[in-house]
Amino acid sequence: MVIPYIDEVITYINYDAPRVKWEAARVVANLSQKYPEKAAKAVDKLMINTKDKGTVVRWATAFALGEIVKYNKNIQKELVKKIEDIIKKEQNSGVKNVYLKALKMIK
């Protein structure tokens, strides 16, 4: 049902309201297994949210990036490196664990 609107959802990833940011990221995450190429379009915008002050936004972003890295083999190598760099800087252990869980699944 959301597929025709995926590009629209991606535009909301960097919206001002935190609730919109994290819900857009969750939609992308949930679509990434079945539509990995469409979800990969969100990576650049998601990378911006890895530095958001809101823990919930960063958690949802970690979930989305983790799902994308698991299911999109075309960008997996490049994205793993980016995620490893994010993990080094992330202060919240819950957010770190979301990334680590995704990396563990692909190794």
C-alpha atoms as a PDB file:
ATOM      1  CA  MET A   1       0.000   0.000   0.000  1.00  0.00           C
ATOM      2  CA  VAL A   2       2.873   2.406   0.739  1.00  0.00           C
ATOM      3  CA  ILE A   3       5.036   1.533  -2.292  1.00  0.00           C
ATOM      4  CA  PRO A   4       3.545   4.188  -4.611  1.00  0.00           C
ATOM      5  CA  TYR A   5       4.408   6.750  -1.925  1.00  0.00           C
ATOM      6  CA  ILE A   6       7.909   5.633  -0.962  1.00  0.00           C
ATOM      7  CA  ASP A   7       9.567   8.653  -2.563  1.00  0.00           C
ATOM      8  CA  GLU A   8       7.173  10.894  -0.649  1.00  0.00           C
ATOM      9  CA  VAL A   9       7.943   9.070   2.616  1.00  0.00           C
ATOM     10  CA  ILE A  10      11.666   9.509   2.003  1.00  0.00           C
ATOM     11  CA  THR A  11      11.215  13.279   1.683  1.00  0.00           C
ATOM     12  CA  TYR A  12       9.845  13.326   5.241  1.00  0.00           C
ATOM     13  CA  ILE A  13      12.887  11.624   6.798  1.00  0.00           C
ATOM     14  CA  ASN A  14      14.424  15.034   7.544  1.00  0.00           C
ATOM     15  CA  TYR A  15      11.192  16.811   8.475  1.00  0.00           C
ATOM     16  CA  ASP A  16      11.322  19.219  11.437  1.00  0.00           C
ATOM     17  CA  ALA A  17       9.047  17.202  13.723  1.00  0.00           C
ATOM     18  CA  PRO A  18      10.885  14.281  15.381  1.00  0.00           C
ATOM     19  CA  ARG A  19       7.786  12.053  15.293  1.00  0.00           C
ATOM     20  CA  VAL A  20       7.623  12.385  11.506  1.00  0.00           C
ATOM     21  CA  LYS A  21      11.358  11.649  11.183  1.00  0.00           C
ATOM     22  CA  TRP A  22      11.197   8.422  13.128  1.00  0.00           C
ATOM     23  CA  GLU A  23       7.983   7.177  11.553  1.00  0.00           C
ATOM     24  CA  ALA A  24       9.330   7.827   8.040  1.00  0.00           C
ATOM     25  CA  ALA A  25      12.481   5.899   8.966  1.00  0.00           C
ATOM     26  CA  ARG A  26      10.391   3.003  10.296  1.00  0.00           C
ATOM     27  CA  VAL A  27       8.367   2.847   7.073  1.00  0.00           C
ATOM     28  CA  VAL A  28      11.581   2.651   5.059  1.00  0.00           C
ATOM     29  CA  ALA A  29      12.930  -0.039   7.391  1.00  0.00           C
ATOM     30  CA  ASN A  30       9.802  -2.131   7.049  1.00  0.00           C
ATOM     31  CA  LEU A  31       9.915  -1.916   3.239  1.00  0.00           C
ATOM     32  CA  SER A  32      13.598  -2.704   2.888  1.00  0.00           C
ATOM     33  CA  GLN A  33      13.365  -6.502   2.827  1.00  0.00           C
ATOM     34  CA  LYS A  34      10.861  -6.643   0.002  1.00  0.00           C
ATOM     35  CA  TYR A  35      12.003  -3.479  -1.833  1.00  0.00           C
ATOM     36  CA  PRO A  36      15.731  -3.039  -1.076  1.00  0.00           C
ATOM     37  CA  GLU A  37      16.453  -0.756  -4.031  1.00  0.00           C
ATOM     38  CA  LYS A  38      13.632   1.615  -3.159  1.00  0.00           C
ATOM     39  CA  ALA A  39      14.685   1.715   0.499  1.00  0.00           C
ATOM     40  CA  ALA A  40      18.295   2.424  -0.478  1.00  0.00           C
ATOM     41  CA  LYS A  41      17.175   5.780  -1.886  1.00  0.00           C
ATOM     42  CA  ALA A  42      16.768   6.912   1.735  1.00  0.00           C
ATOM     43  CA  VAL A  43      20.346   6.296   2.883  1.00  0.00           C
ATOM     44  CA  ASP A  44      21.654   9.840   2.349  1.00  0.00           C
ATOM     45  CA  LYS A  45      18.752  11.386   4.266  1.00  0.00           C
ATOM     46  CA  LEU A  46      19.022   8.773   7.014  1.00  0.00           C
ATOM     47  CA  MET A  47      22.718   9.551   7.437  1.00  0.00           C
ATOM     48  CA  ILE A  48      21.762  13.108   8.390  1.00  0.00           C
ATOM     49  CA  ASN A  49      19.518  11.765  11.160  1.00  0.00           C
ATOM     50  CA  THR A  50      22.334   9.698  12.690  1.00  0.00           C
ATOM     51  CA  LYS A  51      23.402  12.985  14.318  1.00  0.00           C
ATOM     52  CA  ASP A  52      19.939  14.041  15.495  1.00  0.00           C
ATOM     53  CA  LYS A  53      19.686  15.112  19.147  1.00  0.00           C
ATOM     54  CA  GLY A  54      16.657  12.862  19.675  1.00  0.00           C
ATOM     55  CA  THR A  55      17.439   9.319  20.771  1.00  0.00           C
ATOM     56  CA  VAL A  56      14.219   7.949  19.260  1.00  0.00           C
ATOM     57  CA  VAL A  57      15.065   9.532  15.895  1.00  0.00           C
ATOM     58  CA  ARG A  58      18.560   8.004  16.010  1.00  0.00           C
ATOM     59  CA  TRP A  59      17.115   4.627  17.058  1.00  0.00           C
ATOM     60  CA  ALA A  60      14.622   4.599  14.164  1.00  0.00           C
ATOM     61  CA  THR A  61      17.404   5.688  11.830  1.00  0.00           C
ATOM     62  CA  ALA A  62      19.598   2.839  13.083  1.00  0.00           C
ATOM     63  CA  PHE A  63      16.730   0.415  12.507  1.00  0.00           C
ATOM     64  CA  ALA A  64      16.241   1.673   8.936  1.00  0.00           C
ATOM     65  CA  LEU A  65      19.938   1.630   8.062  1.00  0.00           C
ATOM     66  CA  GLY A  66      20.277  -1.800   9.657  1.00  0.00           C
ATOM     67  CA  GLU A  67      17.443  -3.212   7.581  1.00  0.00           C
ATOM     68  CA  ILE A  68      18.813  -1.632   4.410  1.00  0.00           C
ATOM     69  CA  VAL A  69      22.308  -3.022   5.009  1.00  0.00           C
ATOM     70  CA  LYS A  70      20.888  -6.504   5.605  1.00  0.00           C
ATOM     71  CA  TYR A  71      18.846  -6.663   2.426  1.00  0.00           C
ATOM     72  CA  ASN A  72      20.637  -4.518  -0.154  1.00  0.00           C
ATOM     73  CA  LYS A  73      23.745  -6.363  -1.316  1.00  0.00           C
ATOM     74  CA  ASN A  74      24.590  -3.637  -3.854  1.00  0.00           C
ATOM     75  CA  ILE A  75      25.445  -1.050  -1.200  1.00  0.00           C
ATOM     76  CA  GLN A  76      26.213  -3.384   1.698  1.00  0.00           C
ATOM     77  CA  LYS A  77      30.004  -3.010   1.733  1.00  0.00           C
ATOM     78  CA  GLU A  78      29.879   0.795   1.597  1.00  0.00           C
ATOM     79  CA  LEU A  79      27.077   1.004   4.161  1.00  0.00           C
ATOM     80  CA  VAL A  80      28.802  -1.352   6.623  1.00  0.00           C
ATOM     81  CA  LYS A  81      31.761   1.035   6.751  1.00  0.00           C
ATOM     82  CA  LYS A  82      29.473   4.010   7.381  1.00  0.00           C
ATOM     83  CA  ILE A  83      27.644   2.118  10.138  1.00  0.00           C
ATOM     84  CA  GLU A  84      30.913   1.128  11.802  1.00  0.00           C
ATOM     85  CA  ASP A  85      31.897   4.813  11.853  1.00  0.00           C
ATOM     86  CA  ILE A  86      28.518   5.749  13.355  1.00  0.00           C
ATOM     87  CA  ILE A  87      28.889   3.113  16.088  1.00  0.00           C
ATOM     88  CA  LYS A  88      32.193   4.659  17.172  1.00  0.00           C
ATOM     89  CA  LYS A  89      30.500   8.034  17.735  1.00  0.00           C
ATOM     90  CA  GLU A  90      27.088   6.953  19.076  1.00  0.00           C
ATOM     91  CA  GLN A  91      26.764   7.484  22.843  1.00  0.00           C
ATOM     92  CA  ASN A  92      23.480   5.645  23.432  1.00  0.00           C
ATOM     93  CA  SER A  93      23.950   1.906  23.940  1.00  0.00           C
ATOM     94  CA  GLY A  94      20.412   1.098  22.741  1.00  0.00           C
ATOM     95  CA  VAL A  95      21.037   2.798  19.411  1.00  0.00           C
ATOM     96  CA  LYS A  96      24.460   1.123  19.130  1.00  0.00           C
ATOM     97  CA  ASN A  97      22.866  -2.255  19.760  1.00  0.00           C
ATOM     98  CA  VAL A  98      20.455  -1.800  16.851  1.00  0.00           C
ATOM     99  CA  TYR A  99      23.407  -1.272  14.512  1.00  0.00           C
ATOM    100  CA  LEU A 100      25.408  -4.113  16.042  1.00  0.00           C
ATOM    101  CA  LYS A 101      22.492  -6.528  15.698  1.00  0.00           C
ATOM    102  CA  ALA A 102      22.200  -5.736  11.977  1.00  0.00           C
ATOM    103  CA  LEU A 103      25.937  -6.146  11.406  1.00  0.00           C
ATOM    104  CA  LYS A 104      25.922  -9.436  13.288  1.00  0.00           C
ATOM    105  CA  MET A 105      23.180 -10.777  11.010  1.00  0.00           C
ATOM    106  CA  ILE A 106      25.155 -10.094   7.838  1.00  0.00           C
ATOM    107  CA  LYS A 107      28.475 -11.488   9.047  1.00  0.00           C
END
